[in-house]
Amino acid sequence: MHAHSSNNDWQTAGMARRAKGWLAGSVMLGGMAAVLFVLHLTLLAGLIDALTFHGASFATEQHTLFLLIAALSGSLILQGLADRAGLEAGLRIAAQVRQDALAICSGQGLSGLRCSPLAVFSPP
């Protein structure tokens, strides 16, 4: 049983290695989006504090409002890009899994099984 788990870990590592650029990009973009989101929340808290408790006018806080909108927009754009990179990594891994499954079905010791490209990922 342990050897089977070790084999699965090796296969998973191999698939992740094939998509490592997309996975790394997704993680980095997601991290940058998180930083901008925290900045956005900090700016929002400062804006509310200035307007509510310090008697600042909306006109004097326009710069903060602009930065808040820029941070929020940047966070949303970076998170969207991170999601796309993660999706691309998943698609590359799925394509590799499908290719491996088709190679197995094409005659490497499975003469008694009926495999077709459509049946490879079909539920039983």
N, C-alpha and C. Protein backbone atom coordinates (compact mmCIF):
# COMPACT_ATOMS: atom_id res chain seq x y z
N MET A 1 0.82 -1.20 0.00
CA MET A 1 0.00 0.00 0.00
C MET A 1 0.86 1.26 0.00
N HIS A 2 1.98 1.20 0.72
CA HIS A 2 2.85 2.36 0.79
C HIS A 2 3.48 2.65 -0.57
N ALA A 3 3.84 1.60 -1.30
CA ALA A 3 4.45 1.79 -2.61
C ALA A 3 3.45 2.44 -3.57
N HIS A 4 2.18 2.09 -3.44
CA HIS A 4 1.15 2.69 -4.29
C HIS A 4 1.02 4.18 -4.00
N SER A 5 1.05 4.56 -2.73
CA SER A 5 0.98 5.97 -2.35
C SER A 5 2.19 6.73 -2.86
N SER A 6 3.35 6.12 -2.77
CA SER A 6 4.57 6.76 -3.26
C SER A 6 4.49 6.97 -4.77
N ASN A 7 3.93 6.01 -5.49
CA ASN A 7 3.77 6.13 -6.93
C ASN A 7 2.81 7.28 -7.27
N ASN A 8 1.72 7.40 -6.52
CA ASN A 8 0.77 8.48 -6.75
C ASN A 8 1.42 9.84 -6.48
N ASP A 9 2.23 9.93 -5.44
CA ASP A 9 2.92 11.18 -5.13
C ASP A 9 3.86 11.56 -6.27
N TRP A 10 4.56 10.58 -6.81
CA TRP A 10 5.48 10.83 -7.92
C TRP A 10 4.72 11.31 -9.15
N GLN A 11 3.57 10.67 -9.43
CA GLN A 11 2.77 11.07 -10.59
C GLN A 11 2.23 12.49 -10.41
N THR A 12 1.75 12.79 -9.21
CA THR A 12 1.23 14.14 -8.92
C THR A 12 2.33 15.18 -9.08
N ALA A 13 3.50 14.86 -8.58
CA ALA A 13 4.63 15.79 -8.71
C ALA A 13 4.98 15.98 -10.18
N GLY A 14 4.93 14.93 -10.97
CA GLY A 14 5.23 15.04 -12.39
C GLY A 14 4.22 15.91 -13.11
N MET A 15 2.94 15.76 -12.77
CA MET A 15 1.92 16.60 -13.41
C MET A 15 2.07 18.06 -12.99
N ALA A 16 2.35 18.29 -11.72
CA ALA A 16 2.54 19.66 -11.25
C ALA A 16 3.77 20.29 -11.90
N ARG A 17 4.80 19.47 -12.14
CA ARG A 17 6.01 19.98 -12.79
C ARG A 17 5.71 20.44 -14.22
N ARG A 18 4.78 19.75 -14.90
CA ARG A 18 4.43 20.13 -16.27
C ARG A 18 3.72 21.48 -16.33
N ALA A 19 3.04 21.84 -15.25
CA ALA A 19 2.28 23.10 -15.24
C ALA A 19 2.86 24.09 -14.24
N LYS A 20 4.13 23.89 -13.85
CA LYS A 20 4.68 24.70 -12.76
C LYS A 20 4.71 26.19 -13.06
N GLY A 21 4.94 26.57 -14.30
CA GLY A 21 4.96 27.99 -14.63
C GLY A 21 3.60 28.64 -14.40
N TRP A 22 2.57 27.95 -14.86
CA TRP A 22 1.20 28.48 -14.67
C TRP A 22 0.81 28.48 -13.20
N LEU A 23 1.20 27.42 -12.47
CA LEU A 23 0.88 27.37 -11.05
C LEU A 23 1.63 28.46 -10.27
N ALA A 24 2.89 28.66 -10.58
CA ALA A 24 3.67 29.70 -9.91
C ALA A 24 3.10 31.08 -10.22
N GLY A 25 2.73 31.31 -11.48
CA GLY A 25 2.12 32.58 -11.85
C GLY A 25 0.81 32.81 -11.12
N SER A 26 0.02 31.76 -11.00
CA SER A 26 -1.26 31.88 -10.31
C SER A 26 -1.06 32.24 -8.84
N VAL A 27 -0.12 31.59 -8.20
CA VAL A 27 0.15 31.86 -6.79
C VAL A 27 0.70 33.27 -6.60
N MET A 28 1.62 33.69 -7.47
CA MET A 28 2.19 35.04 -7.34
C MET A 28 1.14 36.12 -7.58
N LEU A 29 0.33 35.94 -8.63
CA LEU A 29 -0.71 36.93 -8.91
C LEU A 29 -1.75 36.97 -7.80
N GLY A 30 -2.10 35.81 -7.27
CA GLY A 30 -3.04 35.77 -6.15
C GLY A 30 -2.48 36.45 -4.90
N GLY A 31 -1.19 36.28 -4.65
CA GLY A 31 -0.56 36.95 -3.52
C GLY A 31 -0.54 38.46 -3.67
N MET A 32 -0.24 38.91 -4.90
CA MET A 32 -0.25 40.36 -5.14
C MET A 32 -1.67 40.92 -5.02
N ALA A 33 -2.66 40.15 -5.46
CA ALA A 33 -4.05 40.57 -5.33
C ALA A 33 -4.44 40.67 -3.86
N ALA A 34 -3.97 39.75 -3.05
CA ALA A 34 -4.27 39.79 -1.61
C ALA A 34 -3.64 41.01 -0.95
N VAL A 35 -2.42 41.35 -1.35
CA VAL A 35 -1.76 42.54 -0.78
C VAL A 35 -2.56 43.80 -1.14
N LEU A 36 -2.98 43.89 -2.40
CA LEU A 36 -3.78 45.06 -2.81
C LEU A 36 -5.13 45.09 -2.11
N PHE A 37 -5.69 43.91 -1.84
CA PHE A 37 -6.97 43.87 -1.13
C PHE A 37 -6.82 44.38 0.30
N VAL A 38 -5.73 44.00 0.96
CA VAL A 38 -5.47 44.50 2.32
C VAL A 38 -5.25 46.01 2.29
N LEU A 39 -4.51 46.49 1.28
CA LEU A 39 -4.31 47.93 1.12
C LEU A 39 -5.65 48.63 0.91
N HIS A 40 -6.51 48.03 0.11
CA HIS A 40 -7.84 48.59 -0.14
C HIS A 40 -8.62 48.71 1.17
N LEU A 41 -8.60 47.66 1.98
CA LEU A 41 -9.33 47.71 3.25
C LEU A 41 -8.73 48.74 4.21
N THR A 42 -7.40 48.86 4.20
CA THR A 42 -6.75 49.86 5.05
C THR A 42 -7.13 51.28 4.62
N LEU A 43 -7.13 51.52 3.31
CA LEU A 43 -7.53 52.84 2.81
C LEU A 43 -9.00 53.13 3.12
N LEU A 44 -9.84 52.12 2.99
CA LEU A 44 -11.26 52.30 3.30
C LEU A 44 -11.46 52.64 4.78
N ALA A 45 -10.74 51.94 5.65
CA ALA A 45 -10.85 52.23 7.08
C ALA A 45 -10.37 53.65 7.38
N GLY A 46 -9.27 54.06 6.75
CA GLY A 46 -8.77 55.43 6.95
C GLY A 46 -9.73 56.48 6.43
N LEU A 47 -10.35 56.21 5.28
CA LEU A 47 -11.33 57.15 4.72
C LEU A 47 -12.54 57.28 5.62
N ILE A 48 -13.05 56.17 6.10
CA ILE A 48 -14.21 56.22 7.00
C ILE A 48 -13.86 56.92 8.30
N ASP A 49 -12.67 56.66 8.82
CA ASP A 49 -12.22 57.32 10.05
C ASP A 49 -12.12 58.83 9.85
N ALA A 50 -11.51 59.24 8.74
CA ALA A 50 -11.33 60.67 8.49
C ALA A 50 -12.68 61.37 8.30
N LEU A 51 -13.58 60.74 7.56
CA LEU A 51 -14.88 61.37 7.31
C LEU A 51 -15.77 61.36 8.54
N THR A 52 -15.72 60.31 9.31
CA THR A 52 -16.64 60.16 10.44
C THR A 52 -16.14 60.85 11.71
N PHE A 53 -14.91 60.61 12.08
CA PHE A 53 -14.44 61.05 13.39
C PHE A 53 -13.56 62.29 13.36
N HIS A 54 -13.00 62.64 12.23
CA HIS A 54 -12.10 63.79 12.17
C HIS A 54 -12.69 64.97 11.42
N GLY A 55 -13.90 64.85 10.98
CA GLY A 55 -14.59 65.96 10.33
C GLY A 55 -14.02 66.38 9.00
N ALA A 56 -13.32 65.51 8.33
CA ALA A 56 -12.75 65.84 7.01
C ALA A 56 -13.88 65.90 5.98
N SER A 57 -13.70 66.76 5.00
CA SER A 57 -14.71 66.84 3.94
C SER A 57 -14.37 65.83 2.85
N PHE A 58 -15.37 65.53 2.07
CA PHE A 58 -15.19 64.57 0.99
C PHE A 58 -14.18 65.10 -0.03
N ALA A 59 -14.18 66.41 -0.24
CA ALA A 59 -13.25 67.01 -1.21
C ALA A 59 -11.79 66.83 -0.77
N THR A 60 -11.52 66.90 0.52
CA THR A 60 -10.14 66.74 1.00
C THR A 60 -9.69 65.27 0.95
N GLU A 61 -10.61 64.36 0.87
CA GLU A 61 -10.28 62.93 0.86
C GLU A 61 -10.38 62.31 -0.53
N GLN A 62 -10.43 63.14 -1.58
CA GLN A 62 -10.54 62.62 -2.93
C GLN A 62 -9.32 61.79 -3.33
N HIS A 63 -8.15 62.22 -2.88
CA HIS A 63 -6.93 61.47 -3.19
C HIS A 63 -7.01 60.06 -2.60
N THR A 64 -7.45 59.96 -1.35
CA THR A 64 -7.60 58.65 -0.70
C THR A 64 -8.65 57.81 -1.42
N LEU A 65 -9.72 58.43 -1.84
CA LEU A 65 -10.77 57.72 -2.57
C LEU A 65 -10.23 57.19 -3.90
N PHE A 66 -9.43 57.99 -4.59
CA PHE A 66 -8.83 57.55 -5.85
C PHE A 66 -7.90 56.35 -5.61
N LEU A 67 -7.07 56.42 -4.57
CA LEU A 67 -6.18 55.31 -4.24
C LEU A 67 -6.96 54.06 -3.87
N LEU A 68 -8.07 54.25 -3.16
CA LEU A 68 -8.92 53.13 -2.76
C LEU A 68 -9.49 52.43 -4.00
N ILE A 69 -9.98 53.20 -4.95
CA ILE A 69 -10.55 52.63 -6.18
C ILE A 69 -9.45 51.95 -7.00
N ALA A 70 -8.27 52.55 -7.05
CA ALA A 70 -7.16 51.96 -7.79
C ALA A 70 -6.74 50.63 -7.15
N ALA A 71 -6.66 50.58 -5.82
CA ALA A 71 -6.27 49.35 -5.14
C ALA A 71 -7.31 48.26 -5.34
N LEU A 72 -8.57 48.62 -5.27
CA LEU A 72 -9.63 47.65 -5.48
C LEU A 72 -9.62 47.13 -6.92
N SER A 73 -9.46 48.03 -7.88
CA SER A 73 -9.42 47.62 -9.28
C SER A 73 -8.22 46.72 -9.55
N GLY A 74 -7.08 47.10 -9.03
CA GLY A 74 -5.88 46.28 -9.21
C GLY A 74 -6.04 44.90 -8.60
N SER A 75 -6.64 44.85 -7.42
CA SER A 75 -6.87 43.57 -6.76
C SER A 75 -7.79 42.68 -7.58
N LEU A 76 -8.86 43.25 -8.11
CA LEU A 76 -9.80 42.46 -8.92
C LEU A 76 -9.15 41.97 -10.21
N ILE A 77 -8.38 42.83 -10.85
CA ILE A 77 -7.71 42.44 -12.10
C ILE A 77 -6.68 41.34 -11.84
N LEU A 78 -5.86 41.52 -10.81
CA LEU A 78 -4.85 40.51 -10.50
C LEU A 78 -5.47 39.19 -10.10
N GLN A 79 -6.59 39.23 -9.35
CA GLN A 79 -7.24 37.99 -8.96
C GLN A 79 -7.83 37.29 -10.18
N GLY A 80 -8.37 38.06 -11.11
CA GLY A 80 -8.88 37.47 -12.34
C GLY A 80 -7.77 36.80 -13.15
N LEU A 81 -6.62 37.46 -13.23
CA LEU A 81 -5.48 36.87 -13.93
C LEU A 81 -4.96 35.62 -13.22
N ALA A 82 -4.97 35.65 -11.88
CA ALA A 82 -4.54 34.48 -11.12
C ALA A 82 -5.49 33.31 -11.37
N ASP A 83 -6.78 33.59 -11.43
CA ASP A 83 -7.76 32.54 -11.70
C ASP A 83 -7.56 31.95 -13.10
N ARG A 84 -7.28 32.80 -14.07
CA ARG A 84 -7.04 32.32 -15.43
C ARG A 84 -5.78 31.46 -15.50
N ALA A 85 -4.73 31.88 -14.80
CA ALA A 85 -3.50 31.09 -14.80
C ALA A 85 -3.73 29.74 -14.12
N GLY A 86 -4.48 29.73 -13.04
CA GLY A 86 -4.81 28.47 -12.37
C GLY A 86 -5.65 27.57 -13.25
N LEU A 87 -6.58 28.14 -13.98
CA LEU A 87 -7.40 27.37 -14.91
C LEU A 87 -6.53 26.76 -16.01
N GLU A 88 -5.61 27.54 -16.53
CA GLU A 88 -4.72 27.03 -17.58
C GLU A 88 -3.86 25.89 -17.05
N ALA A 89 -3.38 26.01 -15.83
CA ALA A 89 -2.60 24.93 -15.23
C ALA A 89 -3.46 23.68 -15.10
N GLY A 90 -4.69 23.84 -14.65
CA GLY A 90 -5.59 22.71 -14.52
C GLY A 90 -5.89 22.06 -15.86
N LEU A 91 -6.07 22.86 -16.88
CA LEU A 91 -6.34 22.31 -18.21
C LEU A 91 -5.13 21.55 -18.75
N ARG A 92 -3.94 22.05 -18.48
CA ARG A 92 -2.74 21.34 -18.93
C ARG A 92 -2.57 20.02 -18.20
N ILE A 93 -2.86 20.01 -16.92
CA ILE A 93 -2.77 18.76 -16.15
C ILE A 93 -3.83 17.79 -16.62
N ALA A 94 -5.05 18.26 -16.85
CA ALA A 94 -6.13 17.39 -17.32
C ALA A 94 -5.81 16.81 -18.69
N ALA A 95 -5.21 17.60 -19.56
CA ALA A 95 -4.83 17.10 -20.88
C ALA A 95 -3.78 16.01 -20.75
N GLN A 96 -2.85 16.18 -19.84
CA GLN A 96 -1.81 15.17 -19.63
C GLN A 96 -2.42 13.89 -19.06
N VAL A 97 -3.34 14.03 -18.11
CA VAL A 97 -3.99 12.85 -17.53
C VAL A 97 -4.77 12.11 -18.61
N ARG A 98 -5.48 12.85 -19.44
CA ARG A 98 -6.25 12.22 -20.52
C ARG A 98 -5.31 11.51 -21.50
N GLN A 99 -4.21 12.15 -21.84
CA GLN A 99 -3.24 11.54 -22.74
C GLN A 99 -2.67 10.26 -22.13
N ASP A 100 -2.35 10.29 -20.85
CA ASP A 100 -1.82 9.10 -20.17
C ASP A 100 -2.85 7.99 -20.14
N ALA A 101 -4.11 8.34 -19.87
CA ALA A 101 -5.17 7.34 -19.82
C ALA A 101 -5.40 6.72 -21.19
N LEU A 102 -5.35 7.52 -22.23
CA LEU A 102 -5.51 6.99 -23.58
C LEU A 102 -4.35 6.09 -23.97
N ALA A 103 -3.15 6.44 -23.52
CA ALA A 103 -1.98 5.60 -23.80
C ALA A 103 -2.12 4.25 -23.11
N ILE A 104 -2.64 4.25 -21.91
CA ILE A 104 -2.84 3.00 -21.18
C ILE A 104 -3.89 2.15 -21.89
N CYS A 105 -4.95 2.77 -22.34
CA CYS A 105 -6.04 2.05 -23.00
C CYS A 105 -5.66 1.56 -24.40
N SER A 106 -4.64 2.12 -24.98
CA SER A 106 -4.31 1.79 -26.37
C SER A 106 -3.58 0.46 -26.53
N GLY A 107 -3.42 -0.28 -25.46
CA GLY A 107 -2.86 -1.61 -25.65
C GLY A 107 -1.70 -1.97 -24.77
N GLN A 108 -1.51 -1.31 -23.68
CA GLN A 108 -0.40 -1.67 -22.80
C GLN A 108 -0.91 -2.59 -21.68
N GLY A 109 -1.27 -3.81 -22.06
CA GLY A 109 -1.68 -4.80 -21.07
C GLY A 109 -3.16 -4.76 -20.73
N LEU A 110 -3.97 -4.07 -21.47
CA LEU A 110 -5.39 -4.00 -21.16
C LEU A 110 -6.22 -4.59 -22.29
N SER A 111 -5.81 -5.75 -22.79
CA SER A 111 -6.51 -6.33 -23.93
C SER A 111 -7.95 -6.71 -23.60
N GLY A 112 -8.23 -7.04 -22.34
CA GLY A 112 -9.60 -7.44 -21.97
C GLY A 112 -10.53 -6.27 -21.73
N LEU A 113 -10.01 -5.06 -21.59
CA LEU A 113 -10.85 -3.90 -21.33
C LEU A 113 -11.22 -3.21 -22.61
N ARG A 114 -12.39 -2.62 -22.59
CA ARG A 114 -12.84 -1.85 -23.73
C ARG A 114 -12.63 -0.37 -23.43
N CYS A 115 -11.67 0.25 -24.07
CA CYS A 115 -11.38 1.66 -23.85
C CYS A 115 -11.63 2.41 -25.14
N SER A 116 -12.18 3.58 -24.99
CA SER A 116 -12.33 4.49 -26.13
C SER A 116 -12.04 5.89 -25.62
N PRO A 117 -11.74 6.83 -26.51
CA PRO A 117 -11.46 8.19 -26.05
C PRO A 117 -12.61 8.77 -25.24
N LEU A 118 -13.83 8.40 -25.56
CA LEU A 118 -14.98 8.94 -24.82
C LEU A 118 -15.18 8.21 -23.51
N ALA A 119 -14.77 6.95 -23.43
CA ALA A 119 -15.00 6.17 -22.21
C ALA A 119 -13.92 6.35 -21.17
N VAL A 120 -12.83 7.01 -21.51
CA VAL A 120 -11.73 7.13 -20.57
C VAL A 120 -12.15 7.86 -19.30
N PHE A 121 -12.92 8.93 -19.42
CA PHE A 121 -13.33 9.69 -18.25
C PHE A 121 -14.82 9.59 -17.99
N SER A 122 -15.48 8.65 -18.61
CA SER A 122 -16.92 8.49 -18.38
C SER A 122 -17.14 7.76 -17.07
N PRO A 123 -18.21 8.10 -16.35
CA PRO A 123 -18.51 7.37 -15.13
C PRO A 123 -18.89 5.94 -15.46
N PRO A 124 -18.66 5.00 -14.53
CA PRO A 124 -18.96 3.58 -14.79
C PRO A 124 -20.44 3.33 -15.00
